């Protein structure tokens, strides 16, 4: 998950949460929410974190995901939906909901 990737890179770079917050111009509270997967980052936050941590944004976003891991796939899809839902029509949203409901039958 996103927060695990941040923690992994913090350890690799020997960065404290306070240091990373300063480098990315985030508050420690905001960074903590990203690390605990309680908040979904926007593109600017991902870019700033990847730059400060010296890794690709794709890595943080788990775009090198393993489709055999349903939990990782769920969180990846959840982030995509959260990021784009305001741009979708009611029909598109209904189609997504119906797809989920059909899968549970």
PDB file of N, CA and C in Angstrom:
ATOM      1  N   UNK A   1       0.824  -1.176   0.000  1.00  0.00           N
ATOM      2  CA  UNK A   1       0.000   0.000   0.000  1.00  0.00           C
ATOM      3  C   UNK A   1       0.874   1.247   0.000  1.00  0.00           C
ATOM      4  N   UNK A   2       0.268   2.367  -0.353  1.00  0.00           N
ATOM      5  CA  UNK A   2       0.988   3.621  -0.511  1.00  0.00           C
ATOM      6  C   UNK A   2       1.836   3.961   0.718  1.00  0.00           C
ATOM      7  N   UNK A   3       1.228   3.889   1.892  1.00  0.00           N
ATOM      8  CA  UNK A   3       1.949   4.226   3.121  1.00  0.00           C
ATOM      9  C   UNK A   3       3.138   3.321   3.368  1.00  0.00           C
ATOM     10  N   UNK A   4       2.973   2.042   3.061  1.00  0.00           N
ATOM     11  CA  UNK A   4       4.087   1.096   3.232  1.00  0.00           C
ATOM     12  C   UNK A   4       5.246   1.451   2.321  1.00  0.00           C
ATOM     13  N   UNK A   5       4.911   1.892   1.113  1.00  0.00           N
ATOM     14  CA  UNK A   5       5.968   2.274   0.169  1.00  0.00           C
ATOM     15  C   UNK A   5       6.709   3.520   0.673  1.00  0.00           C
ATOM     16  N   UNK A   6       5.971   4.463   1.250  1.00  0.00           N
ATOM     17  CA  UNK A   6       6.623   5.660   1.810  1.00  0.00           C
ATOM     18  C   UNK A   6       7.563   5.242   2.938  1.00  0.00           C
ATOM     19  N   UNK A   7       7.059   4.425   3.865  1.00  0.00           N
ATOM     20  CA  UNK A   7       7.890   3.983   4.996  1.00  0.00           C
ATOM     21  C   UNK A   7       9.137   3.260   4.521  1.00  0.00           C
ATOM     22  N   UNK A   8       8.971   2.401   3.534  1.00  0.00           N
ATOM     23  CA  UNK A   8      10.103   1.649   2.981  1.00  0.00           C
ATOM     24  C   UNK A   8      11.182   2.596   2.455  1.00  0.00           C
ATOM     25  N   UNK A   9      10.748   3.601   1.712  1.00  0.00           N
ATOM     26  CA  UNK A   9      11.702   4.549   1.137  1.00  0.00           C
ATOM     27  C   UNK A   9      12.299   5.475   2.201  1.00  0.00           C
ATOM     28  N   UNK A  10      11.528   5.803   3.232  1.00  0.00           N
ATOM     29  CA  UNK A  10      12.063   6.605   4.337  1.00  0.00           C
ATOM     30  C   UNK A  10      13.200   5.857   5.024  1.00  0.00           C
ATOM     31  N   UNK A  11      12.976   4.567   5.273  1.00  0.00           N
ATOM     32  CA  UNK A  11      14.018   3.753   5.911  1.00  0.00           C
ATOM     33  C   UNK A  11      15.243   3.648   5.014  1.00  0.00           C
ATOM     34  N   UNK A  12      14.994   3.413   3.743  1.00  0.00           N
ATOM     35  CA  UNK A  12      16.093   3.277   2.773  1.00  0.00           C
ATOM     36  C   UNK A  12      16.941   4.544   2.731  1.00  0.00           C
ATOM     37  N   UNK A  13      16.279   5.715   2.845  1.00  0.00           N
ATOM     38  CA  UNK A  13      16.975   7.003   2.781  1.00  0.00           C
ATOM     39  C   UNK A  13      17.318   7.571   4.151  1.00  0.00           C
ATOM     40  N   UNK A  14      17.044   6.769   5.196  1.00  0.00           N
ATOM     41  CA  UNK A  14      17.327   7.196   6.568  1.00  0.00           C
ATOM     42  C   UNK A  14      16.713   8.564   6.873  1.00  0.00           C
ATOM     43  N   UNK A  15      15.430   8.712   6.519  1.00  0.00           N
ATOM     44  CA  UNK A  15      14.706   9.958   6.753  1.00  0.00           C
ATOM     45  C   UNK A  15      13.674   9.768   7.854  1.00  0.00           C
ATOM     46  N   UNK A  16      13.591  10.735   8.734  1.00  0.00           N
ATOM     47  CA  UNK A  16      12.524  10.713   9.726  1.00  0.00           C
ATOM     48  C   UNK A  16      11.263  11.300   9.096  1.00  0.00           C
ATOM     49  N   UNK A  17      10.150  11.112   9.764  1.00  0.00           N
ATOM     50  CA  UNK A  17       8.898  11.667   9.270  1.00  0.00           C
ATOM     51  C   UNK A  17       8.973  13.188   9.240  1.00  0.00           C
ATOM     52  N   UNK A  18       9.585  13.761  10.238  1.00  0.00           N
ATOM     53  CA  UNK A  18       9.731  15.215  10.304  1.00  0.00           C
ATOM     54  C   UNK A  18      10.570  15.730   9.130  1.00  0.00           C
ATOM     55  N   UNK A  19      11.676  15.042   8.841  1.00  0.00           N
ATOM     56  CA  UNK A  19      12.539  15.456   7.727  1.00  0.00           C
ATOM     57  C   UNK A  19      11.818  15.364   6.389  1.00  0.00           C
ATOM     58  N   UNK A  20      11.077  14.272   6.194  1.00  0.00           N
ATOM     59  CA  UNK A  20      10.350  14.107   4.939  1.00  0.00           C
ATOM     60  C   UNK A  20       9.244  15.156   4.815  1.00  0.00           C
ATOM     61  N   UNK A  21       8.574  15.443   5.908  1.00  0.00           N
ATOM     62  CA  UNK A  21       7.526  16.474   5.889  1.00  0.00           C
ATOM     63  C   UNK A  21       8.124  17.819   5.474  1.00  0.00           C
ATOM     64  N   UNK A  22       9.273  18.155   6.011  1.00  0.00           N
ATOM     65  CA  UNK A  22       9.929  19.421   5.662  1.00  0.00           C
ATOM     66  C   UNK A  22      10.324  19.441   4.184  1.00  0.00           C
ATOM     67  N   UNK A  23      10.878  18.345   3.690  1.00  0.00           N
ATOM     68  CA  UNK A  23      11.312  18.278   2.284  1.00  0.00           C
ATOM     69  C   UNK A  23      10.151  18.392   1.310  1.00  0.00           C
ATOM     70  N   UNK A  24       8.985  17.934   1.725  1.00  0.00           N
ATOM     71  CA  UNK A  24       7.828  17.899   0.829  1.00  0.00           C
ATOM     72  C   UNK A  24       6.830  19.020   1.114  1.00  0.00           C
ATOM     73  N   UNK A  25       7.141  19.848   2.093  1.00  0.00           N
ATOM     74  CA  UNK A  25       6.278  20.964   2.489  1.00  0.00           C
ATOM     75  C   UNK A  25       4.894  20.479   2.920  1.00  0.00           C
ATOM     76  N   UNK A  26       4.886  19.335   3.584  1.00  0.00           N
ATOM     77  CA  UNK A  26       3.661  18.803   4.183  1.00  0.00           C
ATOM     78  C   UNK A  26       3.762  18.981   5.693  1.00  0.00           C
ATOM     79  N   UNK A  27       2.628  19.039   6.367  1.00  0.00           N
ATOM     80  CA  UNK A  27       2.682  19.002   7.818  1.00  0.00           C
ATOM     81  C   UNK A  27       2.966  17.564   8.230  1.00  0.00           C
ATOM     82  N   UNK A  28       3.501  17.397   9.412  1.00  0.00           N
ATOM     83  CA  UNK A  28       3.747  16.037   9.896  1.00  0.00           C
ATOM     84  C   UNK A  28       2.428  15.270  10.021  1.00  0.00           C
ATOM     85  N   UNK A  29       1.365  15.961  10.384  1.00  0.00           N
ATOM     86  CA  UNK A  29       0.055  15.314  10.517  1.00  0.00           C
ATOM     87  C   UNK A  29      -0.431  14.798   9.167  1.00  0.00           C
ATOM     88  N   UNK A  30      -0.295  15.606   8.117  1.00  0.00           N
ATOM     89  CA  UNK A  30      -0.720  15.167   6.782  1.00  0.00           C
ATOM     90  C   UNK A  30       0.104  13.973   6.319  1.00  0.00           C
ATOM     91  N   UNK A  31       1.413  14.075   6.476  1.00  0.00           N
ATOM     92  CA  UNK A  31       2.278  12.972   6.074  1.00  0.00           C
ATOM     93  C   UNK A  31       1.910  11.702   6.826  1.00  0.00           C
ATOM     94  N   UNK A  32       1.633  11.833   8.103  1.00  0.00           N
ATOM     95  CA  UNK A  32       1.246  10.686   8.909  1.00  0.00           C
ATOM     96  C   UNK A  32      -0.016  10.028   8.359  1.00  0.00           C
ATOM     97  N   UNK A  33      -0.971  10.829   7.903  1.00  0.00           N
ATOM     98  CA  UNK A  33      -2.206  10.271   7.333  1.00  0.00           C
ATOM     99  C   UNK A  33      -1.923   9.507   6.039  1.00  0.00           C
ATOM    100  N   UNK A  34      -0.994  10.012   5.226  1.00  0.00           N
ATOM    101  CA  UNK A  34      -0.622   9.281   4.005  1.00  0.00           C
ATOM    102  C   UNK A  34       0.053   7.962   4.366  1.00  0.00           C
ATOM    103  N   UNK A  35       0.932   8.008   5.345  1.00  0.00           N
ATOM    104  CA  UNK A  35       1.663   6.814   5.762  1.00  0.00           C
ATOM    105  C   UNK A  35       0.714   5.760   6.324  1.00  0.00           C
ATOM    106  N   UNK A  36      -0.324   6.212   7.031  1.00  0.00           N
ATOM    107  CA  UNK A  36      -1.299   5.276   7.613  1.00  0.00           C
ATOM    108  C   UNK A  36      -2.442   4.947   6.654  1.00  0.00           C
ATOM    109  N   UNK A  37      -2.314   5.412   5.411  1.00  0.00           N
ATOM    110  CA  UNK A  37      -3.329   5.160   4.370  1.00  0.00           C
ATOM    111  C   UNK A  37      -4.704   5.681   4.762  1.00  0.00           C
ATOM    112  N   UNK A  38      -4.717   6.812   5.448  1.00  0.00           N
ATOM    113  CA  UNK A  38      -5.974   7.440   5.853  1.00  0.00           C
ATOM    114  C   UNK A  38      -6.336   8.601   4.930  1.00  0.00           C
ATOM    115  N   UNK A  39      -5.457   8.901   4.024  1.00  0.00           N
ATOM    116  CA  UNK A  39      -5.683  10.001   3.087  1.00  0.00           C
ATOM    117  C   UNK A  39      -5.113   9.599   1.734  1.00  0.00           C
ATOM    118  N   UNK A  40      -5.810   9.992   0.670  1.00  0.00           N
ATOM    119  CA  UNK A  40      -5.357   9.699  -0.681  1.00  0.00           C
ATOM    120  C   UNK A  40      -4.639  10.925  -1.236  1.00  0.00           C
ATOM    121  N   UNK A  41      -3.399  10.763  -1.695  1.00  0.00           N
ATOM    122  CA  UNK A  41      -2.631  11.915  -2.169  1.00  0.00           C
ATOM    123  C   UNK A  41      -3.069  12.370  -3.555  1.00  0.00           C
ATOM    124  N   UNK A  42      -2.915  13.678  -3.793  1.00  0.00           N
ATOM    125  CA  UNK A  42      -3.130  14.163  -5.156  1.00  0.00           C
ATOM    126  C   UNK A  42      -1.803  14.058  -5.913  1.00  0.00           C
ATOM    127  N   UNK A  43      -1.833  14.399  -7.179  1.00  0.00           N
ATOM    128  CA  UNK A  43      -0.649  14.230  -8.036  1.00  0.00           C
ATOM    129  C   UNK A  43       0.553  15.030  -7.532  1.00  0.00           C
ATOM    130  N   UNK A  44       0.316  16.243  -7.031  1.00  0.00           N
ATOM    131  CA  UNK A  44       1.430  17.064  -6.543  1.00  0.00           C
ATOM    132  C   UNK A  44       2.107  16.436  -5.330  1.00  0.00           C
ATOM    133  N   UNK A  45       1.320  15.888  -4.437  1.00  0.00           N
ATOM    134  CA  UNK A  45       1.888  15.239  -3.249  1.00  0.00           C
ATOM    135  C   UNK A  45       2.717  14.028  -3.662  1.00  0.00           C
ATOM    136  N   UNK A  46       2.185  13.220  -4.562  1.00  0.00           N
ATOM    137  CA  UNK A  46       2.924  12.037  -5.038  1.00  0.00           C
ATOM    138  C   UNK A  46       4.240  12.470  -5.691  1.00  0.00           C
ATOM    139  N   UNK A  47       4.183  13.506  -6.517  1.00  0.00           N
ATOM    140  CA  UNK A  47       5.396  13.990  -7.191  1.00  0.00           C
ATOM    141  C   UNK A  47       6.427  14.480  -6.183  1.00  0.00           C
ATOM    142  N   UNK A  48       5.986  15.249  -5.198  1.00  0.00           N
ATOM    143  CA  UNK A  48       6.910  15.769  -4.182  1.00  0.00           C
ATOM    144  C   UNK A  48       7.507  14.639  -3.336  1.00  0.00           C
ATOM    145  N   UNK A  49       6.679  13.680  -2.974  1.00  0.00           N
ATOM    146  CA  UNK A  49       7.184  12.552  -2.184  1.00  0.00           C
ATOM    147  C   UNK A  49       8.174  11.722  -2.984  1.00  0.00           C
ATOM    148  N   UNK A  50       7.853  11.436  -4.232  1.00  0.00           N
ATOM    149  CA  UNK A  50       8.764  10.612  -5.031  1.00  0.00           C
ATOM    150  C   UNK A  50      10.102  11.317  -5.244  1.00  0.00           C
ATOM    151  N   UNK A  51      10.053  12.628  -5.443  1.00  0.00           N
ATOM    152  CA  UNK A  51      11.297  13.388  -5.608  1.00  0.00           C
ATOM    153  C   UNK A  51      12.121  13.358  -4.316  1.00  0.00           C
ATOM    154  N   UNK A  52      11.463  13.620  -3.193  1.00  0.00           N
ATOM    155  CA  UNK A  52      12.171  13.646  -1.906  1.00  0.00           C
ATOM    156  C   UNK A  52      12.718  12.275  -1.522  1.00  0.00           C
ATOM    157  N   UNK A  53      12.006  11.222  -1.927  1.00  0.00           N
ATOM    158  CA  UNK A  53      12.416   9.867  -1.565  1.00  0.00           C
ATOM    159  C   UNK A  53      13.323   9.215  -2.609  1.00  0.00           C
ATOM    160  N   UNK A  54      13.491   9.873  -3.751  1.00  0.00           N
ATOM    161  CA  UNK A  54      14.375   9.345  -4.786  1.00  0.00           C
ATOM    162  C   UNK A  54      13.848   8.083  -5.451  1.00  0.00           C
ATOM    163  N   UNK A  55      12.543   8.036  -5.646  1.00  0.00           N
ATOM    164  CA  UNK A  55      11.951   6.876  -6.313  1.00  0.00           C
ATOM    165  C   UNK A  55      10.911   7.358  -7.316  1.00  0.00           C
ATOM    166  N   UNK A  56      10.446   6.460  -8.134  1.00  0.00           N
ATOM    167  CA  UNK A  56       9.440   6.812  -9.133  1.00  0.00           C
ATOM    168  C   UNK A  56       8.065   6.879  -8.488  1.00  0.00           C
ATOM    169  N   UNK A  57       7.240   7.784  -9.002  1.00  0.00           N
ATOM    170  CA  UNK A  57       5.860   7.888  -8.526  1.00  0.00           C
ATOM    171  C   UNK A  57       5.128   6.571  -8.732  1.00  0.00           C
ATOM    172  N   UNK A  58       5.416   5.881  -9.838  1.00  0.00           N
ATOM    173  CA  UNK A  58       4.781   4.588 -10.118  1.00  0.00           C
ATOM    174  C   UNK A  58       5.014   3.598  -8.983  1.00  0.00           C
ATOM    175  N   UNK A  59       6.203   3.647  -8.403  1.00  0.00           N
ATOM    176  CA  UNK A  59       6.516   2.748  -7.295  1.00  0.00           C
ATOM    177  C   UNK A  59       5.632   3.071  -6.096  1.00  0.00           C
ATOM    178  N   UNK A  60       5.539   4.360  -5.748  1.00  0.00           N
ATOM    179  CA  UNK A  60       4.717   4.745  -4.603  1.00  0.00           C
ATOM    180  C   UNK A  60       3.252   4.393  -4.816  1.00  0.00           C
ATOM    181  N   UNK A  61       2.798   4.543  -6.043  1.00  0.00           N
ATOM    182  CA  UNK A  61       1.397   4.276  -6.355  1.00  0.00           C
ATOM    183  C   UNK A  61       1.126   2.812  -6.655  1.00  0.00           C
ATOM    184  N   UNK A  62       2.178   1.999  -6.530  1.00  0.00           N
ATOM    185  CA  UNK A  62       2.071   0.559  -6.764  1.00  0.00           C
ATOM    186  C   UNK A  62       1.622   0.249  -8.178  1.00  0.00           C
ATOM    187  N   UNK A  63       2.089   1.054  -9.129  1.00  0.00           N
ATOM    188  CA  UNK A  63       1.718   0.809 -10.513  1.00  0.00           C
ATOM    189  C   UNK A  63       2.531  -0.331 -11.096  1.00  0.00           C
ATOM    190  N   UNK A  64       3.491  -0.784 -10.309  1.00  0.00           N
ATOM    191  CA  UNK A  64       4.189  -2.003 -10.673  1.00  0.00           C
ATOM    192  C   UNK A  64       3.497  -3.160  -9.943  1.00  0.00           C
ATOM    193  N   UNK A  65       2.196  -2.996  -9.780  1.00  0.00           N
ATOM    194  CA  UNK A  65       1.398  -3.908  -8.976  1.00  0.00           C
ATOM    195  C   UNK A  65       1.392  -5.328  -9.526  1.00  0.00           C
ATOM    196  N   UNK A  66       1.072  -6.218  -8.635  1.00  0.00           N
ATOM    197  CA  UNK A  66       0.937  -7.632  -8.975  1.00  0.00           C
ATOM    198  C   UNK A  66      -0.552  -7.938  -8.984  1.00  0.00           C
ATOM    199  N   UNK A  67      -1.100  -8.211 -10.147  1.00  0.00           N
ATOM    200  CA  UNK A  67      -2.546  -8.421 -10.244  1.00  0.00           C
ATOM    201  C   UNK A  67      -3.001  -9.714  -9.567  1.00  0.00           C
ATOM    202  N   UNK A  68      -2.078 -10.455  -9.013  1.00  0.00           N
ATOM    203  CA  UNK A  68      -2.442 -11.654  -8.264  1.00  0.00           C
ATOM    204  C   UNK A  68      -2.705 -11.322  -6.795  1.00  0.00           C
ATOM    205  N   UNK A  69      -2.520 -10.063  -6.420  1.00  0.00           N
ATOM    206  CA  UNK A  69      -2.747  -9.613  -5.049  1.00  0.00           C
ATOM    207  C   UNK A  69      -4.037  -8.796  -5.015  1.00  0.00           C
ATOM    208  N   UNK A  70      -5.167  -9.419  -4.685  1.00  0.00           N
ATOM    209  CA  UNK A  70      -6.453  -8.721  -4.742  1.00  0.00           C
ATOM    210  C   UNK A  70      -6.534  -7.505  -3.826  1.00  0.00           C
ATOM    211  N   UNK A  71      -5.886  -7.552  -2.665  1.00  0.00           N
ATOM    212  CA  UNK A  71      -5.956  -6.410  -1.760  1.00  0.00           C
ATOM    213  C   UNK A  71      -5.231  -5.201  -2.334  1.00  0.00           C
ATOM    214  N   UNK A  72      -4.060  -5.411  -2.897  1.00  0.00           N
ATOM    215  CA  UNK A  72      -3.322  -4.313  -3.524  1.00  0.00           C
ATOM    216  C   UNK A  72      -4.103  -3.753  -4.704  1.00  0.00           C
ATOM    217  N   UNK A  73      -4.713  -4.637  -5.457  1.00  0.00           N
ATOM    218  CA  UNK A  73      -5.516  -4.216  -6.608  1.00  0.00           C
ATOM    219  C   UNK A  73      -6.720  -3.392  -6.155  1.00  0.00           C
ATOM    220  N   UNK A  74      -7.348  -3.801  -5.067  1.00  0.00           N
ATOM    221  CA  UNK A  74      -8.488  -3.056  -4.516  1.00  0.00           C
ATOM    222  C   UNK A  74      -8.070  -1.619  -4.190  1.00  0.00           C
ATOM    223  N   UNK A  75      -6.962  -1.450  -3.473  1.00  0.00           N
ATOM    224  CA  UNK A  75      -6.527  -0.112  -3.082  1.00  0.00           C
ATOM    225  C   UNK A  75      -6.108   0.718  -4.293  1.00  0.00           C
ATOM    226  N   UNK A  76      -5.514   0.086  -5.282  1.00  0.00           N
ATOM    227  CA  UNK A  76      -5.150   0.803  -6.497  1.00  0.00           C
ATOM    228  C   UNK A  76      -6.405   1.311  -7.196  1.00  0.00           C
ATOM    229  N   UNK A  77      -7.401   0.460  -7.329  1.00  0.00           N
ATOM    230  CA  UNK A  77      -8.648   0.862  -7.977  1.00  0.00           C
ATOM    231  C   UNK A  77      -9.380   1.920  -7.169  1.00  0.00           C
ATOM    232  N   UNK A  78      -9.355   1.792  -5.853  1.00  0.00           N
ATOM    233  CA  UNK A  78     -10.002   2.778  -4.986  1.00  0.00           C
ATOM    234  C   UNK A  78      -9.396   4.160  -5.205  1.00  0.00           C
ATOM    235  N   UNK A  79      -8.066   4.210  -5.301  1.00  0.00           N
ATOM    236  CA  UNK A  79      -7.398   5.503  -5.532  1.00  0.00           C
ATOM    237  C   UNK A  79      -7.789   6.078  -6.887  1.00  0.00           C
ATOM    238  N   UNK A  80      -7.872   5.241  -7.905  1.00  0.00           N
ATOM    239  CA  UNK A  80      -8.262   5.701  -9.240  1.00  0.00           C
ATOM    240  C   UNK A  80      -9.677   6.279  -9.193  1.00  0.00           C
ATOM    241  N   UNK A  81     -10.583   5.575  -8.545  1.00  0.00           N
ATOM    242  CA  UNK A  81     -11.969   6.049  -8.447  1.00  0.00           C
ATOM    243  C   UNK A  81     -12.039   7.370  -7.690  1.00  0.00           C
ATOM    244  N   UNK A  82     -11.337   7.468  -6.574  1.00  0.00           N
ATOM    245  CA  UNK A  82     -11.352   8.709  -5.793  1.00  0.00           C
ATOM    246  C   UNK A  82     -10.794   9.881  -6.595  1.00  0.00           C
ATOM    247  N   UNK A  83      -9.800   9.609  -7.392  1.00  0.00           N
ATOM    248  CA  UNK A  83      -9.141  10.667  -8.157  1.00  0.00           C
ATOM    249  C   UNK A  83     -10.015  11.169  -9.306  1.00  0.00           C
ATOM    250  N   UNK A  84     -10.830  10.297  -9.893  1.00  0.00           N
ATOM    251  CA  UNK A  84     -11.543  10.663 -11.117  1.00  0.00           C
ATOM    252  C   UNK A  84     -13.059  10.760 -10.995  1.00  0.00           C
ATOM    253  N   UNK A  85     -13.609  10.449  -9.851  1.00  0.00           N
ATOM    254  CA  UNK A  85     -15.069  10.356  -9.736  1.00  0.00           C
ATOM    255  C   UNK A  85     -15.797  11.646 -10.083  1.00  0.00           C
ATOM    256  N   UNK A  86     -15.204  12.787  -9.820  1.00  0.00           N
ATOM    257  CA  UNK A  86     -15.891  14.050 -10.119  1.00  0.00           C
ATOM    258  C   UNK A  86     -15.968  14.325 -11.619  1.00  0.00           C
ATOM    259  N   UNK A  87     -15.185  13.617 -12.412  1.00  0.00           N
ATOM    260  CA  UNK A  87     -15.189  13.809 -13.868  1.00  0.00           C
ATOM    261  C   UNK A  87     -16.122  12.846 -14.591  1.00  0.00           C
ATOM    262  N   UNK A  88     -16.680  11.870 -13.884  1.00  0.00           N
ATOM    263  CA  UNK A  88     -17.513  10.864 -14.515  1.00  0.00           C
ATOM    264  C   UNK A  88     -18.976  11.277 -14.528  1.00  0.00           C
ATOM    265  N   UNK A  89     -19.678  10.821 -15.536  1.00  0.00           N
ATOM    266  CA  UNK A  89     -21.112  11.082 -15.637  1.00  0.00           C
ATOM    267  C   UNK A  89     -21.862  10.145 -14.690  1.00  0.00           C
ATOM    268  N   UNK A  90     -23.124  10.456 -14.453  1.00  0.00           N
ATOM    269  CA  UNK A  90     -23.957   9.600 -13.607  1.00  0.00           C
ATOM    270  C   UNK A  90     -24.061   8.201 -14.204  1.00  0.00           C
ATOM    271  N   UNK A  91     -24.130   8.130 -15.519  1.00  0.00           N
ATOM    272  CA  UNK A  91     -24.226   6.823 -16.187  1.00  0.00           C
ATOM    273  C   UNK A  91     -22.960   5.996 -15.963  1.00  0.00           C
ATOM    274  N   UNK A  92     -21.803   6.637 -16.057  1.00  0.00           N
ATOM    275  CA  UNK A  92     -20.548   5.921 -15.831  1.00  0.00           C
ATOM    276  C   UNK A  92     -20.460   5.419 -14.388  1.00  0.00           C
ATOM    277  N   UNK A  93     -20.874   6.259 -13.449  1.00  0.00           N
ATOM    278  CA  UNK A  93     -20.862   5.849 -12.042  1.00  0.00           C
ATOM    279  C   UNK A  93     -21.816   4.682 -11.817  1.00  0.00           C
ATOM    280  N   UNK A  94     -22.992   4.743 -12.430  1.00  0.00           N
ATOM    281  CA  UNK A  94     -23.969   3.664 -12.295  1.00  0.00           C
ATOM    282  C   UNK A  94     -23.422   2.363 -12.868  1.00  0.00           C
ATOM    283  N   UNK A  95     -22.704   2.460 -13.979  1.00  0.00           N
ATOM    284  CA  UNK A  95     -22.107   1.267 -14.585  1.00  0.00           C
ATOM    285  C   UNK A  95     -21.104   0.626 -13.635  1.00  0.00           C
ATOM    286  N   UNK A  96     -20.277   1.443 -12.987  1.00  0.00           N
ATOM    287  CA  UNK A  96     -19.313   0.912 -12.016  1.00  0.00           C
ATOM    288  C   UNK A  96     -20.027   0.229 -10.852  1.00  0.00           C
ATOM    289  N   UNK A  97     -21.044   0.886 -10.336  1.00  0.00           N
ATOM    290  CA  UNK A  97     -21.795   0.319  -9.214  1.00  0.00           C
ATOM    291  C   UNK A  97     -22.442  -0.998  -9.629  1.00  0.00           C
ATOM    292  N   UNK A  98     -23.062  -1.019 -10.799  1.00  0.00           N
ATOM    293  CA  UNK A  98     -23.704  -2.252 -11.285  1.00  0.00           C
ATOM    294  C   UNK A  98     -22.692  -3.371 -11.480  1.00  0.00           C
ATOM    295  N   UNK A  99     -21.508  -3.031 -11.953  1.00  0.00           N
ATOM    296  CA  UNK A  99     -20.458  -4.042 -12.122  1.00  0.00           C
ATOM    297  C   UNK A  99     -20.102  -4.667 -10.786  1.00  0.00           C
ATOM    298  N   UNK A 100     -19.988  -3.842  -9.757  1.00  0.00           N
ATOM    299  CA  UNK A 100     -19.681  -4.361  -8.418  1.00  0.00           C
ATOM    300  C   UNK A 100     -20.816  -5.226  -7.883  1.00  0.00           C
ATOM    301  N   UNK A 101     -22.041  -4.774  -8.067  1.00  0.00           N
ATOM    302  CA  UNK A 101     -23.187  -5.520  -7.568  1.00  0.00           C
ATOM    303  C   UNK A 101     -23.359  -6.855  -8.298  1.00  0.00           C
ATOM    304  N   UNK A 102     -23.119  -6.864  -9.595  1.00  0.00           N
ATOM    305  CA  UNK A 102     -23.226  -8.096 -10.368  1.00  0.00           C
ATOM    306  C   UNK A 102     -22.185  -9.116  -9.925  1.00  0.00           C
ATOM    307  N   UNK A 103     -21.026  -8.638  -9.558  1.00  0.00           N
ATOM    308  CA  UNK A 103     -19.941  -9.540  -9.156  1.00  0.00           C
ATOM    309  C   UNK A 103     -20.266 -10.245  -7.842  1.00  0.00           C
ATOM    310  N   UNK A 104     -21.134  -9.650  -7.027  1.00  0.00           N
ATOM    311  CA  UNK A 104     -21.442 -10.262  -5.733  1.00  0.00           C
ATOM    312  C   UNK A 104     -22.603 -11.246  -5.801  1.00  0.00           C
ATOM    313  N   UNK A 105     -23.209 -11.377  -6.962  1.00  0.00           N
ATOM    314  CA  UNK A 105     -24.352 -12.310  -7.112  1.00  0.00           C
ATOM    315  C   UNK A 105     -23.890 -13.740  -7.242  1.00  0.00           C
TER     316      UNK A 105
END
